[in-house]
PDB file of N, CA and C in Angstrom:
ATOM      1  N   UNK A   1       9.119 -22.689 -49.078  1.00  0.00           N
ATOM      2  CA  UNK A   1       9.737 -23.023 -50.350  1.00  0.00           C
ATOM      3  C   UNK A   1       9.039 -24.251 -50.933  1.00  0.00           C
ATOM      4  N   UNK A   2       8.660 -24.166 -52.202  1.00  0.00           N
ATOM      5  CA  UNK A   2       7.979 -25.267 -52.863  1.00  0.00           C
ATOM      6  C   UNK A   2       8.970 -26.351 -53.265  1.00  0.00           C
ATOM      7  N   UNK A   3       8.484 -27.591 -53.220  1.00  0.00           N
ATOM      8  CA  UNK A   3       9.311 -28.717 -53.648  1.00  0.00           C
ATOM      9  C   UNK A   3       9.447 -28.697 -55.173  1.00  0.00           C
ATOM     10  N   UNK A   4      10.565 -29.184 -55.643  1.00  0.00           N
ATOM     11  CA  UNK A   4      10.794 -29.289 -57.079  1.00  0.00           C
ATOM     12  C   UNK A   4      10.065 -30.527 -57.583  1.00  0.00           C
ATOM     13  N   UNK A   5       9.273 -30.373 -58.645  1.00  0.00           N
ATOM     14  CA  UNK A   5       8.551 -31.500 -59.221  1.00  0.00           C
ATOM     15  C   UNK A   5       9.468 -32.201 -60.217  1.00  0.00           C
ATOM     16  N   UNK A   6       9.629 -33.491 -60.024  1.00  0.00           N
ATOM     17  CA  UNK A   6      10.489 -34.274 -60.907  1.00  0.00           C
ATOM     18  C   UNK A   6       9.696 -34.802 -62.088  1.00  0.00           C
ATOM     19  N   UNK A   7      10.363 -34.843 -63.234  1.00  0.00           N
ATOM     20  CA  UNK A   7       9.790 -35.429 -64.443  1.00  0.00           C
ATOM     21  C   UNK A   7      10.855 -36.304 -65.093  1.00  0.00           C
ATOM     22  N   UNK A   8      10.418 -37.361 -65.728  1.00  0.00           N
ATOM     23  CA  UNK A   8      11.319 -38.256 -66.443  1.00  0.00           C
ATOM     24  C   UNK A   8      11.189 -38.010 -67.932  1.00  0.00           C
ATOM     25  N   UNK A   9      12.314 -37.737 -68.587  1.00  0.00           N
ATOM     26  CA  UNK A   9      12.372 -37.578 -70.038  1.00  0.00           C
ATOM     27  C   UNK A   9      13.377 -38.598 -70.550  1.00  0.00           C
ATOM     28  N   UNK A  10      12.913 -39.495 -71.384  1.00  0.00           N
ATOM     29  CA  UNK A  10      13.795 -40.527 -71.935  1.00  0.00           C
ATOM     30  C   UNK A  10      14.184 -40.103 -73.345  1.00  0.00           C
ATOM     31  N   UNK A  11      15.471 -40.007 -73.586  1.00  0.00           N
ATOM     32  CA  UNK A  11      15.970 -39.601 -74.901  1.00  0.00           C
ATOM     33  C   UNK A  11      16.682 -40.775 -75.565  1.00  0.00           C
ATOM     34  N   UNK A  12      16.883 -40.646 -76.877  1.00  0.00           N
ATOM     35  CA  UNK A  12      17.564 -41.663 -77.685  1.00  0.00           C
ATOM     36  C   UNK A  12      16.865 -43.019 -77.551  1.00  0.00           C
ATOM     37  N   UNK A  13      15.545 -42.994 -77.517  1.00  0.00           N
ATOM     38  CA  UNK A  13      14.738 -44.202 -77.352  1.00  0.00           C
ATOM     39  C   UNK A  13      14.598 -44.905 -78.690  1.00  0.00           C
ATOM     40  N   UNK A  14      14.846 -46.198 -78.696  1.00  0.00           N
ATOM     41  CA  UNK A  14      14.730 -46.995 -79.911  1.00  0.00           C
ATOM     42  C   UNK A  14      13.721 -48.118 -79.677  1.00  0.00           C
ATOM     43  N   UNK A  15      12.539 -47.953 -80.237  1.00  0.00           N
ATOM     44  CA  UNK A  15      11.500 -48.979 -80.093  1.00  0.00           C
ATOM     45  C   UNK A  15      11.968 -50.310 -80.689  1.00  0.00           C
ATOM     46  N   UNK A  16      12.774 -50.256 -81.737  1.00  0.00           N
ATOM     47  CA  UNK A  16      13.295 -51.497 -82.341  1.00  0.00           C
ATOM     48  C   UNK A  16      14.214 -52.222 -81.357  1.00  0.00           C
ATOM     49  N   UNK A  17      15.083 -51.473 -80.683  1.00  0.00           N
ATOM     50  CA  UNK A  17      15.977 -52.095 -79.701  1.00  0.00           C
ATOM     51  C   UNK A  17      15.197 -52.662 -78.524  1.00  0.00           C
ATOM     52  N   UNK A  18      14.103 -52.007 -78.145  1.00  0.00           N
ATOM     53  CA  UNK A  18      13.235 -52.550 -77.098  1.00  0.00           C
ATOM     54  C   UNK A  18      12.636 -53.860 -77.588  1.00  0.00           C
ATOM     55  N   UNK A  19      12.117 -53.853 -78.809  1.00  0.00           N
ATOM     56  CA  UNK A  19      11.519 -55.052 -79.416  1.00  0.00           C
ATOM     57  C   UNK A  19      12.529 -56.205 -79.470  1.00  0.00           C
ATOM     58  N   UNK A  20      13.792 -55.878 -79.756  1.00  0.00           N
ATOM     59  CA  UNK A  20      14.845 -56.894 -79.862  1.00  0.00           C
ATOM     60  C   UNK A  20      15.417 -57.297 -78.501  1.00  0.00           C
ATOM     61  N   UNK A  21      14.933 -56.691 -77.422  1.00  0.00           N
ATOM     62  CA  UNK A  21      15.406 -57.023 -76.083  1.00  0.00           C
ATOM     63  C   UNK A  21      16.746 -56.406 -75.725  1.00  0.00           C
ATOM     64  N   UNK A  22      17.179 -55.403 -76.475  1.00  0.00           N
ATOM     65  CA  UNK A  22      18.473 -54.760 -76.244  1.00  0.00           C
ATOM     66  C   UNK A  22      18.368 -53.528 -75.351  1.00  0.00           C
ATOM     67  N   UNK A  23      17.149 -53.118 -75.025  1.00  0.00           N
ATOM     68  CA  UNK A  23      16.941 -51.886 -74.283  1.00  0.00           C
ATOM     69  C   UNK A  23      15.666 -52.046 -73.452  1.00  0.00           C
ATOM     70  N   UNK A  24      15.641 -51.417 -72.287  1.00  0.00           N
ATOM     71  CA  UNK A  24      14.429 -51.430 -71.471  1.00  0.00           C
ATOM     72  C   UNK A  24      13.351 -50.581 -72.132  1.00  0.00           C
ATOM     73  N   UNK A  25      12.106 -50.975 -71.971  1.00  0.00           N
ATOM     74  CA  UNK A  25      11.012 -50.163 -72.488  1.00  0.00           C
ATOM     75  C   UNK A  25      10.866 -48.920 -71.616  1.00  0.00           C
ATOM     76  N   UNK A  26      10.214 -47.913 -72.156  1.00  0.00           N
ATOM     77  CA  UNK A  26      10.014 -46.688 -71.365  1.00  0.00           C
ATOM     78  C   UNK A  26       9.170 -46.984 -70.134  1.00  0.00           C
ATOM     79  N   UNK A  27       8.256 -47.951 -70.229  1.00  0.00           N
ATOM     80  CA  UNK A  27       7.427 -48.323 -69.078  1.00  0.00           C
ATOM     81  C   UNK A  27       8.274 -48.977 -67.991  1.00  0.00           C
ATOM     82  N   UNK A  28       9.242 -49.815 -68.398  1.00  0.00           N
ATOM     83  CA  UNK A  28      10.143 -50.438 -67.425  1.00  0.00           C
ATOM     84  C   UNK A  28      11.001 -49.396 -66.719  1.00  0.00           C
ATOM     85  N   UNK A  29      11.517 -48.432 -67.475  1.00  0.00           N
ATOM     86  CA  UNK A  29      12.345 -47.370 -66.891  1.00  0.00           C
ATOM     87  C   UNK A  29      11.522 -46.558 -65.901  1.00  0.00           C
ATOM     88  N   UNK A  30      10.311 -46.216 -66.301  1.00  0.00           N
ATOM     89  CA  UNK A  30       9.445 -45.438 -65.414  1.00  0.00           C
ATOM     90  C   UNK A  30       9.130 -46.222 -64.136  1.00  0.00           C
ATOM     91  N   UNK A  31       8.882 -47.512 -64.278  1.00  0.00           N
ATOM     92  CA  UNK A  31       8.591 -48.339 -63.103  1.00  0.00           C
ATOM     93  C   UNK A  31       9.798 -48.424 -62.169  1.00  0.00           C
ATOM     94  N   UNK A  32      10.983 -48.550 -62.741  1.00  0.00           N
ATOM     95  CA  UNK A  32      12.201 -48.617 -61.929  1.00  0.00           C
ATOM     96  C   UNK A  32      12.468 -47.310 -61.185  1.00  0.00           C
ATOM     97  N   UNK A  33      12.300 -46.192 -61.869  1.00  0.00           N
ATOM     98  CA  UNK A  33      12.633 -44.892 -61.282  1.00  0.00           C
ATOM     99  C   UNK A  33      11.488 -44.276 -60.488  1.00  0.00           C
ATOM    100  N   UNK A  34      10.268 -44.687 -60.783  1.00  0.00           N
ATOM    101  CA  UNK A  34       9.085 -44.176 -60.080  1.00  0.00           C
ATOM    102  C   UNK A  34       8.983 -42.648 -60.141  1.00  0.00           C
ATOM    103  N   UNK A  35       9.221 -42.139 -61.346  1.00  0.00           N
ATOM    104  CA  UNK A  35       9.113 -40.705 -61.596  1.00  0.00           C
ATOM    105  C   UNK A  35       8.127 -40.535 -62.755  1.00  0.00           C
ATOM    106  N   UNK A  36       7.300 -39.485 -62.683  1.00  0.00           N
ATOM    107  CA  UNK A  36       6.315 -39.245 -63.732  1.00  0.00           C
ATOM    108  C   UNK A  36       7.000 -39.019 -65.077  1.00  0.00           C
ATOM    109  N   UNK A  37       6.588 -39.795 -66.069  1.00  0.00           N
ATOM    110  CA  UNK A  37       7.160 -39.693 -67.416  1.00  0.00           C
ATOM    111  C   UNK A  37       6.516 -38.524 -68.143  1.00  0.00           C
ATOM    112  N   UNK A  38       7.342 -37.620 -68.625  1.00  0.00           N
ATOM    113  CA  UNK A  38       6.828 -36.467 -69.364  1.00  0.00           C
ATOM    114  C   UNK A  38       7.037 -36.621 -70.869  1.00  0.00           C
ATOM    115  N   UNK A  39       7.917 -37.552 -71.270  1.00  0.00           N
ATOM    116  CA  UNK A  39       8.102 -37.737 -72.699  1.00  0.00           C
ATOM    117  C   UNK A  39       9.169 -38.736 -73.064  1.00  0.00           C
ATOM    118  N   UNK A  40       9.075 -39.166 -74.329  1.00  0.00           N
ATOM    119  CA  UNK A  40      10.039 -40.092 -74.919  1.00  0.00           C
ATOM    120  C   UNK A  40      10.498 -39.475 -76.234  1.00  0.00           C
ATOM    121  N   UNK A  41      11.801 -39.280 -76.343  1.00  0.00           N
ATOM    122  CA  UNK A  41      12.387 -38.708 -77.554  1.00  0.00           C
ATOM    123  C   UNK A  41      13.073 -39.837 -78.317  1.00  0.00           C
ATOM    124  N   UNK A  42      12.658 -40.084 -79.562  1.00  0.00           N
ATOM    125  CA  UNK A  42      13.235 -41.203 -80.300  1.00  0.00           C
ATOM    126  C   UNK A  42      14.683 -40.961 -80.731  1.00  0.00           C
ATOM    127  N   UNK A  43      15.402 -42.064 -80.865  1.00  0.00           N
ATOM    128  CA  UNK A  43      16.760 -42.036 -81.420  1.00  0.00           C
ATOM    129  C   UNK A  43      16.663 -41.512 -82.848  1.00  0.00           C
ATOM    130  N   UNK A  44      17.539 -40.602 -83.218  1.00  0.00           N
ATOM    131  CA  UNK A  44      17.492 -40.046 -84.565  1.00  0.00           C
ATOM    132  C   UNK A  44      18.827 -39.442 -84.950  1.00  0.00           C
ATOM    133  N   UNK A  45      19.236 -39.727 -86.177  1.00  0.00           N
ATOM    134  CA  UNK A  45      20.458 -39.106 -86.698  1.00  0.00           C
ATOM    135  C   UNK A  45      20.244 -37.604 -86.920  1.00  0.00           C
ATOM    136  N   UNK A  46      18.987 -37.198 -87.045  1.00  0.00           N
ATOM    137  CA  UNK A  46      18.684 -35.782 -87.256  1.00  0.00           C
ATOM    138  C   UNK A  46      19.198 -34.932 -86.094  1.00  0.00           C
ATOM    139  N   UNK A  47      19.220 -35.496 -84.886  1.00  0.00           N
ATOM    140  CA  UNK A  47      19.713 -34.755 -83.724  1.00  0.00           C
ATOM    141  C   UNK A  47      21.199 -34.451 -83.892  1.00  0.00           C
ATOM    142  N   UNK A  48      21.967 -35.422 -84.362  1.00  0.00           N
ATOM    143  CA  UNK A  48      23.396 -35.222 -84.601  1.00  0.00           C
ATOM    144  C   UNK A  48      23.614 -34.128 -85.647  1.00  0.00           C
ATOM    145  N   UNK A  49      22.852 -34.169 -86.723  1.00  0.00           N
ATOM    146  CA  UNK A  49      22.984 -33.149 -87.776  1.00  0.00           C
ATOM    147  C   UNK A  49      22.617 -31.764 -87.244  1.00  0.00           C
ATOM    148  N   UNK A  50      21.551 -31.693 -86.461  1.00  0.00           N
ATOM    149  CA  UNK A  50      21.147 -30.398 -85.890  1.00  0.00           C
ATOM    150  C   UNK A  50      22.227 -29.876 -84.953  1.00  0.00           C
ATOM    151  N   UNK A  51      22.781 -30.768 -84.139  1.00  0.00           N
ATOM    152  CA  UNK A  51      23.828 -30.382 -83.201  1.00  0.00           C
ATOM    153  C   UNK A  51      25.057 -29.858 -83.942  1.00  0.00           C
ATOM    154  N   UNK A  52      25.435 -30.533 -85.009  1.00  0.00           N
ATOM    155  CA  UNK A  52      26.592 -30.110 -85.799  1.00  0.00           C
ATOM    156  C   UNK A  52      26.361 -28.745 -86.450  1.00  0.00           C
ATOM    157  N   UNK A  53      25.097 -28.413 -86.720  1.00  0.00           N
ATOM    158  CA  UNK A  53      24.764 -27.133 -87.335  1.00  0.00           C
ATOM    159  C   UNK A  53      24.468 -26.058 -86.291  1.00  0.00           C
ATOM    160  N   UNK A  54      24.491 -26.451 -85.012  1.00  0.00           N
ATOM    161  CA  UNK A  54      24.210 -25.502 -83.944  1.00  0.00           C
ATOM    162  C   UNK A  54      22.740 -25.126 -83.851  1.00  0.00           C
ATOM    163  N   UNK A  55      21.881 -26.012 -84.305  1.00  0.00           N
ATOM    164  CA  UNK A  55      20.448 -25.744 -84.310  1.00  0.00           C
ATOM    165  C   UNK A  55      19.740 -26.681 -83.333  1.00  0.00           C
ATOM    166  N   UNK A  56      18.793 -26.177 -82.545  1.00  0.00           N
ATOM    167  CA  UNK A  56      18.049 -27.056 -81.638  1.00  0.00           C
ATOM    168  C   UNK A  56      17.234 -28.093 -82.417  1.00  0.00           C
ATOM    169  N   UNK A  57      17.168 -29.302 -81.891  1.00  0.00           N
ATOM    170  CA  UNK A  57      16.439 -30.380 -82.566  1.00  0.00           C
ATOM    171  C   UNK A  57      14.961 -30.055 -82.741  1.00  0.00           C
ATOM    172  N   UNK A  58      14.421 -29.251 -81.866  1.00  0.00           N
ATOM    173  CA  UNK A  58      12.997 -28.900 -81.970  1.00  0.00           C
ATOM    174  C   UNK A  58      12.708 -28.082 -83.228  1.00  0.00           C
ATOM    175  N   UNK A  59      13.740 -27.492 -83.814  1.00  0.00           N
ATOM    176  CA  UNK A  59      13.576 -26.714 -85.045  1.00  0.00           C
ATOM    177  C   UNK A  59      13.584 -27.582 -86.303  1.00  0.00           C
ATOM    178  N   UNK A  60      13.744 -28.884 -86.151  1.00  0.00           N
ATOM    179  CA  UNK A  60      13.736 -29.795 -87.297  1.00  0.00           C
ATOM    180  C   UNK A  60      12.293 -30.118 -87.657  1.00  0.00           C
ATOM    181  N   UNK A  61      11.605 -29.145 -88.190  1.00  0.00           N
ATOM    182  CA  UNK A  61      10.163 -29.250 -88.464  1.00  0.00           C
ATOM    183  C   UNK A  61       9.819 -30.536 -89.212  1.00  0.00           C
ATOM    184  N   UNK A  62       8.757 -31.171 -88.745  1.00  0.00           N
ATOM    185  CA  UNK A  62       8.253 -32.369 -89.411  1.00  0.00           C
ATOM    186  C   UNK A  62       8.959 -33.662 -89.039  1.00  0.00           C
ATOM    187  N   UNK A  63       9.969 -33.608 -88.184  1.00  0.00           N
ATOM    188  CA  UNK A  63      10.666 -34.837 -87.791  1.00  0.00           C
ATOM    189  C   UNK A  63      10.030 -35.396 -86.523  1.00  0.00           C
ATOM    190  N   UNK A  64      10.223 -36.692 -86.314  1.00  0.00           N
ATOM    191  CA  UNK A  64       9.687 -37.313 -85.102  1.00  0.00           C
ATOM    192  C   UNK A  64      10.309 -36.705 -83.848  1.00  0.00           C
ATOM    193  N   UNK A  65      11.578 -36.340 -83.920  1.00  0.00           N
ATOM    194  CA  UNK A  65      12.261 -35.740 -82.767  1.00  0.00           C
ATOM    195  C   UNK A  65      11.627 -34.395 -82.407  1.00  0.00           C
ATOM    196  N   UNK A  66      11.432 -33.550 -83.396  1.00  0.00           N
ATOM    197  CA  UNK A  66      10.813 -32.248 -83.161  1.00  0.00           C
ATOM    198  C   UNK A  66       9.409 -32.410 -82.584  1.00  0.00           C
ATOM    199  N   UNK A  67       8.631 -33.306 -83.162  1.00  0.00           N
ATOM    200  CA  UNK A  67       7.267 -33.541 -82.691  1.00  0.00           C
ATOM    201  C   UNK A  67       7.267 -34.071 -81.257  1.00  0.00           C
ATOM    202  N   UNK A  68       8.218 -34.949 -80.945  1.00  0.00           N
ATOM    203  CA  UNK A  68       8.295 -35.506 -79.584  1.00  0.00           C
ATOM    204  C   UNK A  68       8.640 -34.415 -78.570  1.00  0.00           C
ATOM    205  N   UNK A  69       9.565 -33.518 -78.917  1.00  0.00           N
ATOM    206  CA  UNK A  69       9.896 -32.414 -78.000  1.00  0.00           C
ATOM    207  C   UNK A  69       8.697 -31.472 -77.826  1.00  0.00           C
ATOM    208  N   UNK A  70       7.969 -31.209 -78.896  1.00  0.00           N
ATOM    209  CA  UNK A  70       6.779 -30.363 -78.783  1.00  0.00           C
ATOM    210  C   UNK A  70       5.726 -31.028 -77.893  1.00  0.00           C
ATOM    211  N   UNK A  71       5.615 -32.357 -77.973  1.00  0.00           N
ATOM    212  CA  UNK A  71       4.707 -33.091 -77.083  1.00  0.00           C
ATOM    213  C   UNK A  71       5.122 -32.916 -75.619  1.00  0.00           C
ATOM    214  N   UNK A  72       6.430 -32.982 -75.356  1.00  0.00           N
ATOM    215  CA  UNK A  72       6.934 -32.827 -73.986  1.00  0.00           C
ATOM    216  C   UNK A  72       6.556 -31.450 -73.437  1.00  0.00           C
ATOM    217  N   UNK A  73       6.773 -30.423 -74.229  1.00  0.00           N
ATOM    218  CA  UNK A  73       6.446 -29.063 -73.793  1.00  0.00           C
ATOM    219  C   UNK A  73       4.943 -28.949 -73.523  1.00  0.00           C
ATOM    220  N   UNK A  74       4.136 -29.498 -74.408  1.00  0.00           N
ATOM    221  CA  UNK A  74       2.683 -29.440 -74.228  1.00  0.00           C
ATOM    222  C   UNK A  74       2.264 -30.155 -72.942  1.00  0.00           C
ATOM    223  N   UNK A  75       2.848 -31.330 -72.674  1.00  0.00           N
ATOM    224  CA  UNK A  75       2.530 -32.055 -71.437  1.00  0.00           C
ATOM    225  C   UNK A  75       2.949 -31.242 -70.212  1.00  0.00           C
ATOM    226  N   UNK A  76       4.127 -30.634 -70.289  1.00  0.00           N
ATOM    227  CA  UNK A  76       4.621 -29.822 -69.175  1.00  0.00           C
ATOM    228  C   UNK A  76       3.656 -28.672 -68.874  1.00  0.00           C
ATOM    229  N   UNK A  77       3.050 -28.137 -69.921  1.00  0.00           N
ATOM    230  CA  UNK A  77       2.109 -27.036 -69.765  1.00  0.00           C
ATOM    231  C   UNK A  77       0.691 -27.515 -69.439  1.00  0.00           C
ATOM    232  N   UNK A  78       0.532 -28.831 -69.265  1.00  0.00           N
ATOM    233  CA  UNK A  78      -0.748 -29.352 -68.809  1.00  0.00           C
ATOM    234  C   UNK A  78      -1.623 -30.021 -69.842  1.00  0.00           C
ATOM    235  N   UNK A  79      -1.193 -30.053 -71.098  1.00  0.00           N
ATOM    236  CA  UNK A  79      -1.992 -30.722 -72.125  1.00  0.00           C
ATOM    237  C   UNK A  79      -1.886 -32.236 -71.982  1.00  0.00           C
ATOM    238  N   UNK A  80      -2.929 -32.921 -72.390  1.00  0.00           N
ATOM    239  CA  UNK A  80      -2.930 -34.380 -72.396  1.00  0.00           C
ATOM    240  C   UNK A  80      -2.606 -34.838 -73.818  1.00  0.00           C
ATOM    241  N   UNK A  81      -1.443 -35.400 -73.995  1.00  0.00           N
ATOM    242  CA  UNK A  81      -1.020 -35.868 -75.324  1.00  0.00           C
ATOM    243  C   UNK A  81      -0.620 -37.332 -75.234  1.00  0.00           C
ATOM    244  N   UNK A  82      -0.899 -38.106 -76.288  1.00  0.00           N
ATOM    245  CA  UNK A  82      -0.484 -39.515 -76.271  1.00  0.00           C
ATOM    246  C   UNK A  82       1.044 -39.622 -76.370  1.00  0.00           C
ATOM    247  N   UNK A  83       1.578 -40.716 -75.860  1.00  0.00           N
ATOM    248  CA  UNK A  83       3.015 -40.972 -75.928  1.00  0.00           C
ATOM    249  C   UNK A  83       3.294 -41.593 -77.306  1.00  0.00           C
ATOM    250  N   UNK A  84       3.931 -40.818 -78.178  1.00  0.00           N
ATOM    251  CA  UNK A  84       4.206 -41.290 -79.543  1.00  0.00           C
ATOM    252  C   UNK A  84       5.635 -41.812 -79.655  1.00  0.00           C
ATOM    253  N   UNK A  85       5.906 -42.483 -80.753  1.00  0.00           N
ATOM    254  CA  UNK A  85       7.243 -42.975 -81.109  1.00  0.00           C
ATOM    255  C   UNK A  85       7.768 -44.010 -80.114  1.00  0.00           C
ATOM    256  N   UNK A  86       6.878 -44.797 -79.552  1.00  0.00           N
ATOM    257  CA  UNK A  86       7.276 -45.780 -78.545  1.00  0.00           C
ATOM    258  C   UNK A  86       7.069 -47.211 -79.005  1.00  0.00           C
ATOM    259  N   UNK A  87       6.520 -47.402 -80.198  1.00  0.00           N
ATOM    260  CA  UNK A  87       6.304 -48.761 -80.694  1.00  0.00           C
ATOM    261  C   UNK A  87       7.053 -48.958 -82.003  1.00  0.00           C
ATOM    262  N   UNK A  88       7.423 -50.194 -82.241  1.00  0.00           N
ATOM    263  CA  UNK A  88       8.174 -50.536 -83.444  1.00  0.00           C
ATOM    264  C   UNK A  88       7.254 -51.235 -84.433  1.00  0.00           C
ATOM    265  N   UNK A  89       7.253 -50.744 -85.649  1.00  0.00           N
ATOM    266  CA  UNK A  89       6.514 -51.400 -86.717  1.00  0.00           C
ATOM    267  C   UNK A  89       7.533 -52.027 -87.654  1.00  0.00           C
ATOM    268  N   UNK A  90       7.420 -53.342 -87.800  1.00  0.00           N
ATOM    269  CA  UNK A  90       8.345 -54.033 -88.702  1.00  0.00           C
ATOM    270  C   UNK A  90       8.115 -53.534 -90.116  1.00  0.00           C
ATOM    271  N   UNK A  91       9.209 -53.326 -90.864  1.00  0.00           N
ATOM    272  CA  UNK A  91       9.052 -52.840 -92.236  1.00  0.00           C
ATOM    273  C   UNK A  91       8.341 -53.881 -93.096  1.00  0.00           C
ATOM    274  N   UNK A  92       7.470 -53.403 -93.960  1.00  0.00           N
ATOM    275  CA  UNK A  92       6.762 -54.292 -94.880  1.00  0.00           C
ATOM    276  C   UNK A  92       7.695 -54.809 -95.967  1.00  0.00           C
ATOM    277  N   UNK A  93       7.184 -55.695 -96.777  1.00  0.00           N
ATOM    278  CA  UNK A  93       7.971 -56.328 -97.839  1.00  0.00           C
ATOM    279  C   UNK A  93       8.575 -55.305 -98.792  1.00  0.00           C
ATOM    280  N   UNK A  94       7.770 -54.323 -99.225  1.00  0.00           N
ATOM    281  CA  UNK A  94       8.266 -53.335-100.188  1.00  0.00           C
ATOM    282  C   UNK A  94       9.408 -52.510 -99.585  1.00  0.00           C
ATOM    283  N   UNK A  95       9.271 -52.141 -98.318  1.00  0.00           N
ATOM    284  CA  UNK A  95      10.326 -51.345 -97.679  1.00  0.00           C
ATOM    285  C   UNK A  95      11.597 -52.172 -97.521  1.00  0.00           C
ATOM    286  N   UNK A  96      11.436 -53.465 -97.196  1.00  0.00           N
ATOM    287  CA  UNK A  96      12.619 -54.332 -97.072  1.00  0.00           C
ATOM    288  C   UNK A  96      13.296 -54.513 -98.429  1.00  0.00           C
ATOM    289  N   UNK A  97      12.513 -54.636 -99.485  1.00  0.00           N
ATOM    290  CA  UNK A  97      13.093 -54.829-100.811  1.00  0.00           C
ATOM    291  C   UNK A  97      13.769 -53.586-101.358  1.00  0.00           C
ATOM    292  N   UNK A  98      13.160 -52.423-101.093  1.00  0.00           N
ATOM    293  CA  UNK A  98      13.653 -51.196-101.699  1.00  0.00           C
ATOM    294  C   UNK A  98      14.342 -50.241-100.738  1.00  0.00           C
ATOM    295  N   UNK A  99      14.676 -50.737 -99.574  1.00  0.00           N
ATOM    296  CA  UNK A  99      15.444 -49.933 -98.621  1.00  0.00           C
ATOM    297  C   UNK A  99      14.585 -49.314 -97.548  1.00  0.00           C
ATOM    298  N   UNK A 100      15.251 -48.960 -96.514  1.00  0.00           N
ATOM    299  CA  UNK A 100      14.582 -48.352 -95.370  1.00  0.00           C
ATOM    300  C   UNK A 100      15.029 -49.043 -94.110  1.00  0.00           C
ATOM    301  N   UNK A 101      14.812 -48.358 -92.987  1.00  0.00           N
ATOM    302  CA  UNK A 101      15.249 -48.916 -91.708  1.00  0.00           C
ATOM    303  C   UNK A 101      14.093 -49.559 -91.005  1.00  0.00           C
TER     304      UNK A 101
END
């Protein structure tokens, strides 16, 4: 019988909260658990909306959540993909003045 291969998938990840010291970074979590990281799924209200509509988040074409799940599947199948949605970019002046998160 073959051993089960473990993978770490971090969901509801907020790079801003990591930047603010409110959450462990994905690298810290991986170091603590010592399990191969297969992906990071960003925090998104789109997941709540998809769930309320009974639709899988991966079907939210063009969203960071959908793209992150597609990256996870590709990595699982052996593709080498960069870990996206893990860094926080502070909003520029125009975004702060005219709205945005």
